[in-house]
Protein backbone atom coordinates (compact mmCIF):
# COMPACT_ATOMS: atom_id res chain seq x y z
CA MET A 1 -45.16 13.48 -18.75
CA LYS A 2 -42.93 13.73 -21.52
CA ALA A 3 -39.97 14.16 -19.41
CA ILE A 4 -40.62 10.77 -17.70
CA ASP A 5 -40.88 9.23 -20.78
CA ALA A 6 -37.69 10.39 -22.08
CA LEU A 7 -36.05 9.29 -18.76
CA PHE A 8 -37.75 5.77 -19.21
CA ASP A 9 -36.44 5.67 -22.99
CA LEU A 10 -32.79 6.81 -22.12
CA GLY A 11 -32.85 3.97 -19.45
CA ASP A 12 -33.95 1.29 -21.91
CA ARG A 13 -31.40 2.28 -24.29
CA TYR A 14 -28.77 2.18 -21.51
CA ALA A 15 -29.83 -1.21 -20.65
CA ALA A 16 -29.80 -2.64 -24.15
CA GLN A 17 -26.13 -1.43 -24.58
CA SER A 18 -24.84 -2.77 -21.13
CA SER A 19 -23.59 -6.00 -19.99
CA TRP A 20 -23.76 -7.86 -16.95
CA LYS A 21 -20.60 -6.40 -15.83
CA ASP A 22 -22.25 -2.87 -16.04
CA PHE A 23 -25.17 -4.05 -14.01
CA ALA A 24 -22.92 -5.33 -11.44
CA LEU A 25 -21.11 -2.38 -11.04
CA THR A 26 -24.26 -0.42 -10.71
CA LYS A 27 -25.49 -2.83 -7.89
CA PHE A 28 -22.16 -2.39 -5.86
CA CYS A 29 -22.52 1.69 -6.33
CA LEU A 30 -26.20 1.78 -5.12
CA CYS A 31 -25.36 -0.88 -2.23
CA SER A 32 -22.65 1.43 -1.32
CA MET A 33 -24.65 4.50 -1.24
CA GLY A 34 -27.47 2.59 0.86
CA VAL A 35 -24.66 1.70 3.21
CA VAL A 36 -23.45 5.56 3.60
CA ILE A 37 -26.99 6.81 3.76
CA GLY A 38 -27.87 4.16 6.58
CA MET A 39 -24.87 5.42 8.81
CA TYR A 40 -26.66 8.83 8.75
CA ILE A 41 -30.30 7.24 10.08
CA PRO A 42 -30.57 8.15 13.72
CA ARG A 43 -30.25 5.01 16.01
CA GLU A 44 -34.07 5.33 17.12
CA HIS A 45 -35.37 5.48 13.35
CA ARG A 46 -33.15 2.56 12.22
CA ALA A 47 -35.74 -0.46 13.17
CA LYS A 48 -38.17 1.47 11.04
CA ALA A 49 -35.72 2.03 8.28
CA LEU A 50 -34.74 -1.79 8.39
CA CYS A 51 -38.43 -2.88 8.06
CA GLY A 52 -39.08 -0.67 4.99
CA CYS A 53 -36.00 -1.72 3.45
CA ALA A 54 -36.63 -5.45 4.24
CA ALA A 55 -40.31 -4.91 2.60
CA VAL A 56 -38.78 -3.18 -0.44
CA PHE A 57 -36.08 -6.34 -0.67
CA ALA A 58 -38.88 -8.85 -0.75
CA ALA A 59 -40.91 -6.90 -3.14
CA THR A 60 -38.13 -6.70 -5.78
CA TYR A 61 -36.23 -9.67 -5.03
CA ILE A 62 -39.19 -12.26 -5.14
CA PRO A 63 -40.33 -10.94 -8.91
CA LEU A 64 -36.65 -10.76 -9.95
CA MET A 65 -35.89 -14.48 -8.89
CA ALA A 66 -38.99 -15.64 -10.33
CA LYS A 67 -37.97 -14.63 -13.75
CA LEU A 68 -34.49 -15.90 -13.28
CA TYR A 69 -36.09 -19.31 -12.54
CA ARG A 70 -38.56 -19.11 -15.69
CA ILE A 71 -35.42 -18.25 -17.79
CA ALA A 72 -33.15 -21.05 -16.40
CA THR A 73 -35.82 -23.51 -16.90
CA GLU A 74 -37.55 -22.82 -19.99
CA ASP A 75 -36.64 -25.15 -23.08
CA LYS A 76 -33.62 -24.42 -25.01
CA GLU A 77 -34.64 -24.28 -28.78
């Protein structure tokens, strides 16, 4: 598992040295890749893929927005 730890460490270092612009570019890149991959899903499997993607979206969006809300409403010291 040492390789996994090194990969996570690299991710942490990259995030620490990145700005919101870097993360925005990463999101556009991943979204574009998702669209390209989605175009190759056979028509008969698209409904299943949509359900899976919707579940992943909900499972990730809700905690992210909860954290954003918590940060936005915390007292400024």
